[in-house]
Amino acid sequence: MHEYVRHSAGAVPAGSLIVKLYRSGNQIRGYVRKVVDTDQDDTIFPGEEMEPEAAFKLAETHRGNAPAFVELVEDVAWDPSWGRVRQ
């Protein structure tokens, strides 16, 4: 089971991935953002919204040893089927 760290306000280390989940209509959608150095723009991939499971799968294939964070907005509740999340 994959484990993620709950992202809250504040900086995360460069190289980290953030899976952001939000509401789009009545569905939960997400995207993955790779944090880079402060003098560059973060990388967002893909350029379109996707289902949470696809976003987590993408994050797992790109994270390597980097930490993966999850950001829940717009009253999105964590679903344990996505993995484990810690504060």
N, C-alpha and C. Protein backbone atom coordinates (compact mmCIF):
# COMPACT_ATOMS: atom_id res chain seq x y z
N MET A 1 0.85 -1.18 0.00
CA MET A 1 0.00 0.00 0.00
C MET A 1 0.89 1.24 0.00
N HIS A 2 0.59 2.19 -0.83
CA HIS A 2 1.39 3.40 -0.94
C HIS A 2 1.06 4.36 0.21
N GLU A 3 2.07 5.13 0.62
CA GLU A 3 1.89 6.08 1.70
C GLU A 3 2.22 7.48 1.20
N TYR A 4 1.39 8.42 1.60
CA TYR A 4 1.55 9.82 1.21
C TYR A 4 1.54 10.67 2.46
N VAL A 5 2.08 11.87 2.34
CA VAL A 5 2.13 12.82 3.44
C VAL A 5 1.13 13.93 3.11
N ARG A 6 0.33 14.30 4.07
CA ARG A 6 -0.66 15.36 3.88
C ARG A 6 0.08 16.68 3.68
N HIS A 7 -0.20 17.36 2.60
CA HIS A 7 0.44 18.64 2.31
C HIS A 7 -0.40 19.75 2.92
N SER A 8 0.25 20.62 3.62
CA SER A 8 -0.41 21.81 4.15
C SER A 8 0.45 23.00 3.76
N ALA A 9 0.03 24.15 4.17
CA ALA A 9 0.78 25.35 3.82
C ALA A 9 2.24 25.20 4.24
N GLY A 10 3.11 25.67 3.39
CA GLY A 10 4.53 25.57 3.68
C GLY A 10 5.28 24.92 2.54
N ALA A 11 6.56 25.04 2.60
CA ALA A 11 7.41 24.53 1.51
C ALA A 11 7.62 23.03 1.65
N VAL A 12 7.80 22.40 0.52
CA VAL A 12 8.20 20.99 0.47
C VAL A 12 9.51 20.93 -0.30
N PRO A 13 10.31 19.90 -0.07
CA PRO A 13 11.62 19.83 -0.73
C PRO A 13 11.51 19.73 -2.25
N ALA A 14 12.46 20.35 -2.94
CA ALA A 14 12.52 20.22 -4.40
C ALA A 14 12.64 18.75 -4.76
N GLY A 15 11.95 18.36 -5.81
CA GLY A 15 11.94 16.97 -6.24
C GLY A 15 10.73 16.20 -5.74
N SER A 16 10.03 16.78 -4.76
CA SER A 16 8.83 16.14 -4.22
C SER A 16 7.69 16.23 -5.21
N LEU A 17 6.77 15.29 -5.08
CA LEU A 17 5.55 15.31 -5.89
C LEU A 17 4.37 15.63 -5.00
N ILE A 18 3.43 16.41 -5.53
CA ILE A 18 2.20 16.73 -4.82
C ILE A 18 1.03 16.30 -5.70
N VAL A 19 0.19 15.41 -5.17
CA VAL A 19 -1.04 15.02 -5.86
C VAL A 19 -2.13 15.91 -5.29
N LYS A 20 -2.70 16.76 -6.12
CA LYS A 20 -3.75 17.66 -5.67
C LYS A 20 -5.09 17.11 -6.13
N LEU A 21 -6.00 16.92 -5.18
CA LEU A 21 -7.34 16.42 -5.48
C LEU A 21 -8.35 17.51 -5.19
N TYR A 22 -9.30 17.68 -6.08
CA TYR A 22 -10.29 18.75 -5.97
C TYR A 22 -11.59 18.27 -6.60
N ARG A 23 -12.63 19.04 -6.44
CA ARG A 23 -13.93 18.72 -7.03
C ARG A 23 -14.08 19.41 -8.38
N SER A 24 -14.61 18.66 -9.33
CA SER A 24 -14.95 19.19 -10.65
C SER A 24 -16.36 18.70 -10.92
N GLY A 25 -17.32 19.57 -10.72
CA GLY A 25 -18.71 19.15 -10.78
C GLY A 25 -18.98 18.24 -9.60
N ASN A 26 -19.51 17.06 -9.85
CA ASN A 26 -19.78 16.13 -8.76
C ASN A 26 -18.73 15.03 -8.67
N GLN A 27 -17.59 15.21 -9.34
CA GLN A 27 -16.53 14.21 -9.34
C GLN A 27 -15.27 14.75 -8.68
N ILE A 28 -14.44 13.84 -8.20
CA ILE A 28 -13.13 14.21 -7.67
C ILE A 28 -12.11 14.00 -8.77
N ARG A 29 -11.32 15.02 -9.02
CA ARG A 29 -10.29 14.98 -10.05
C ARG A 29 -8.96 15.41 -9.43
N GLY A 30 -7.89 15.19 -10.17
CA GLY A 30 -6.59 15.56 -9.63
C GLY A 30 -5.55 15.76 -10.70
N TYR A 31 -4.41 16.25 -10.25
CA TYR A 31 -3.22 16.36 -11.10
C TYR A 31 -1.99 16.22 -10.22
N VAL A 32 -0.86 16.02 -10.85
CA VAL A 32 0.40 15.82 -10.13
C VAL A 32 1.32 17.00 -10.44
N ARG A 33 1.94 17.51 -9.38
CA ARG A 33 2.88 18.63 -9.54
C ARG A 33 4.21 18.21 -8.96
N LYS A 34 5.30 18.43 -9.73
CA LYS A 34 6.65 18.17 -9.24
C LYS A 34 7.26 19.50 -8.80
N VAL A 35 7.68 19.56 -7.56
CA VAL A 35 8.25 20.78 -6.99
C VAL A 35 9.70 20.90 -7.45
N VAL A 36 10.04 22.08 -7.97
CA VAL A 36 11.41 22.35 -8.40
C VAL A 36 11.99 23.48 -7.57
N ASP A 37 13.21 23.85 -7.84
CA ASP A 37 13.84 24.95 -7.10
C ASP A 37 13.01 26.21 -7.20
N THR A 38 13.18 27.09 -6.23
CA THR A 38 12.36 28.29 -6.13
C THR A 38 12.50 29.25 -7.32
N ASP A 39 13.57 29.17 -8.06
CA ASP A 39 13.76 30.10 -9.19
C ASP A 39 13.15 29.55 -10.49
N GLN A 40 12.44 28.43 -10.42
CA GLN A 40 11.81 27.84 -11.60
C GLN A 40 10.34 27.58 -11.31
N ASP A 41 9.57 27.35 -12.37
CA ASP A 41 8.17 26.99 -12.21
C ASP A 41 8.06 25.49 -12.00
N ASP A 42 7.16 25.09 -11.10
CA ASP A 42 6.92 23.67 -10.87
C ASP A 42 6.41 23.01 -12.14
N THR A 43 6.64 21.72 -12.28
CA THR A 43 6.18 20.95 -13.42
C THR A 43 4.84 20.32 -13.07
N ILE A 44 3.84 20.51 -13.93
CA ILE A 44 2.53 19.91 -13.73
C ILE A 44 2.30 18.92 -14.86
N PHE A 45 1.93 17.68 -14.50
CA PHE A 45 1.67 16.70 -15.54
C PHE A 45 0.57 15.77 -15.07
N PRO A 46 -0.25 15.28 -15.96
CA PRO A 46 -0.39 15.79 -17.32
C PRO A 46 -1.10 17.13 -17.29
N GLY A 47 -1.34 17.71 -18.42
CA GLY A 47 -1.96 19.03 -18.48
C GLY A 47 -3.46 18.99 -18.32
N GLU A 48 -4.02 17.82 -18.08
CA GLU A 48 -5.48 17.71 -17.93
C GLU A 48 -5.80 17.03 -16.61
N GLU A 49 -7.02 17.23 -16.15
CA GLU A 49 -7.43 16.58 -14.90
C GLU A 49 -7.63 15.09 -15.12
N MET A 50 -7.46 14.32 -14.06
CA MET A 50 -7.62 12.87 -14.16
C MET A 50 -8.28 12.35 -12.89
N GLU A 51 -8.71 11.10 -12.93
CA GLU A 51 -9.30 10.47 -11.76
C GLU A 51 -8.22 10.27 -10.70
N PRO A 52 -8.60 10.26 -9.41
CA PRO A 52 -7.60 10.12 -8.34
C PRO A 52 -6.68 8.91 -8.50
N GLU A 53 -7.24 7.76 -8.85
CA GLU A 53 -6.42 6.56 -8.99
C GLU A 53 -5.34 6.74 -10.05
N ALA A 54 -5.69 7.39 -11.15
CA ALA A 54 -4.72 7.64 -12.22
C ALA A 54 -3.64 8.63 -11.75
N ALA A 55 -4.04 9.64 -10.98
CA ALA A 55 -3.08 10.62 -10.46
C ALA A 55 -2.08 9.94 -9.51
N PHE A 56 -2.58 9.06 -8.63
CA PHE A 56 -1.68 8.37 -7.72
C PHE A 56 -0.76 7.41 -8.46
N LYS A 57 -1.28 6.74 -9.47
CA LYS A 57 -0.44 5.83 -10.26
C LYS A 57 0.67 6.60 -10.97
N LEU A 58 0.33 7.76 -11.54
CA LEU A 58 1.31 8.61 -12.20
C LEU A 58 2.38 9.06 -11.20
N ALA A 59 1.94 9.47 -10.01
CA ALA A 59 2.89 9.91 -8.99
C ALA A 59 3.84 8.79 -8.61
N GLU A 60 3.33 7.59 -8.46
CA GLU A 60 4.18 6.46 -8.07
C GLU A 60 5.21 6.15 -9.15
N THR A 61 4.87 6.30 -10.41
CA THR A 61 5.82 5.99 -11.48
C THR A 61 6.88 7.07 -11.63
N HIS A 62 6.64 8.26 -11.10
CA HIS A 62 7.58 9.37 -11.26
C HIS A 62 8.32 9.76 -9.98
N ARG A 63 7.96 9.21 -8.86
CA ARG A 63 8.51 9.70 -7.61
C ARG A 63 9.90 9.17 -7.28
N GLY A 64 10.25 8.00 -7.71
CA GLY A 64 11.54 7.44 -7.32
C GLY A 64 11.64 7.37 -5.81
N ASN A 65 12.67 7.99 -5.25
CA ASN A 65 12.82 8.03 -3.79
C ASN A 65 12.30 9.33 -3.18
N ALA A 66 11.76 10.21 -4.03
CA ALA A 66 11.26 11.49 -3.55
C ALA A 66 9.97 11.30 -2.76
N PRO A 67 9.74 12.16 -1.79
CA PRO A 67 8.48 12.06 -1.06
C PRO A 67 7.29 12.45 -1.93
N ALA A 68 6.14 11.88 -1.63
CA ALA A 68 4.90 12.22 -2.33
C ALA A 68 3.91 12.78 -1.31
N PHE A 69 3.39 13.94 -1.62
CA PHE A 69 2.44 14.62 -0.75
C PHE A 69 1.07 14.59 -1.40
N VAL A 70 0.03 14.76 -0.60
CA VAL A 70 -1.32 14.86 -1.14
C VAL A 70 -1.95 16.12 -0.58
N GLU A 71 -2.63 16.85 -1.46
CA GLU A 71 -3.32 18.07 -1.08
C GLU A 71 -4.80 17.88 -1.40
N LEU A 72 -5.64 17.95 -0.38
CA LEU A 72 -7.08 17.80 -0.55
C LEU A 72 -7.73 19.16 -0.41
N VAL A 73 -8.46 19.59 -1.42
CA VAL A 73 -9.14 20.89 -1.38
C VAL A 73 -10.61 20.70 -1.67
N GLU A 74 -11.37 21.75 -1.43
CA GLU A 74 -12.81 21.77 -1.72
C GLU A 74 -13.54 20.62 -1.02
N ASP A 75 -13.22 20.40 0.25
CA ASP A 75 -13.88 19.38 1.06
C ASP A 75 -13.73 17.96 0.52
N VAL A 76 -12.67 17.67 -0.18
CA VAL A 76 -12.40 16.30 -0.62
C VAL A 76 -11.92 15.51 0.59
N ALA A 77 -12.56 14.38 0.84
CA ALA A 77 -12.17 13.51 1.95
C ALA A 77 -11.28 12.39 1.43
N TRP A 78 -10.32 11.99 2.27
CA TRP A 78 -9.40 10.91 1.89
C TRP A 78 -10.15 9.60 1.79
N ASP A 79 -9.89 8.85 0.73
CA ASP A 79 -10.46 7.53 0.53
C ASP A 79 -9.36 6.51 0.82
N PRO A 80 -9.53 5.64 1.82
CA PRO A 80 -8.47 4.68 2.17
C PRO A 80 -8.06 3.76 1.02
N SER A 81 -8.88 3.61 0.01
CA SER A 81 -8.50 2.76 -1.13
C SER A 81 -7.35 3.39 -1.93
N TRP A 82 -7.08 4.67 -1.73
CA TRP A 82 -5.98 5.34 -2.42
C TRP A 82 -4.63 5.02 -1.80
N GLY A 83 -4.62 4.53 -0.58
CA GLY A 83 -3.40 4.27 0.15
C GLY A 83 -3.51 4.84 1.55
N ARG A 84 -2.36 5.08 2.18
CA ARG A 84 -2.35 5.65 3.52
C ARG A 84 -1.85 7.09 3.43
N VAL A 85 -2.43 7.93 4.24
CA VAL A 85 -1.97 9.32 4.32
C VAL A 85 -1.67 9.63 5.77
N ARG A 86 -0.55 10.29 5.98
CA ARG A 86 -0.20 10.71 7.34
C ARG A 86 -0.08 12.22 7.38
N GLN A 87 -0.26 12.74 8.56
CA GLN A 87 -0.25 14.19 8.73
C GLN A 87 1.11 14.78 8.65
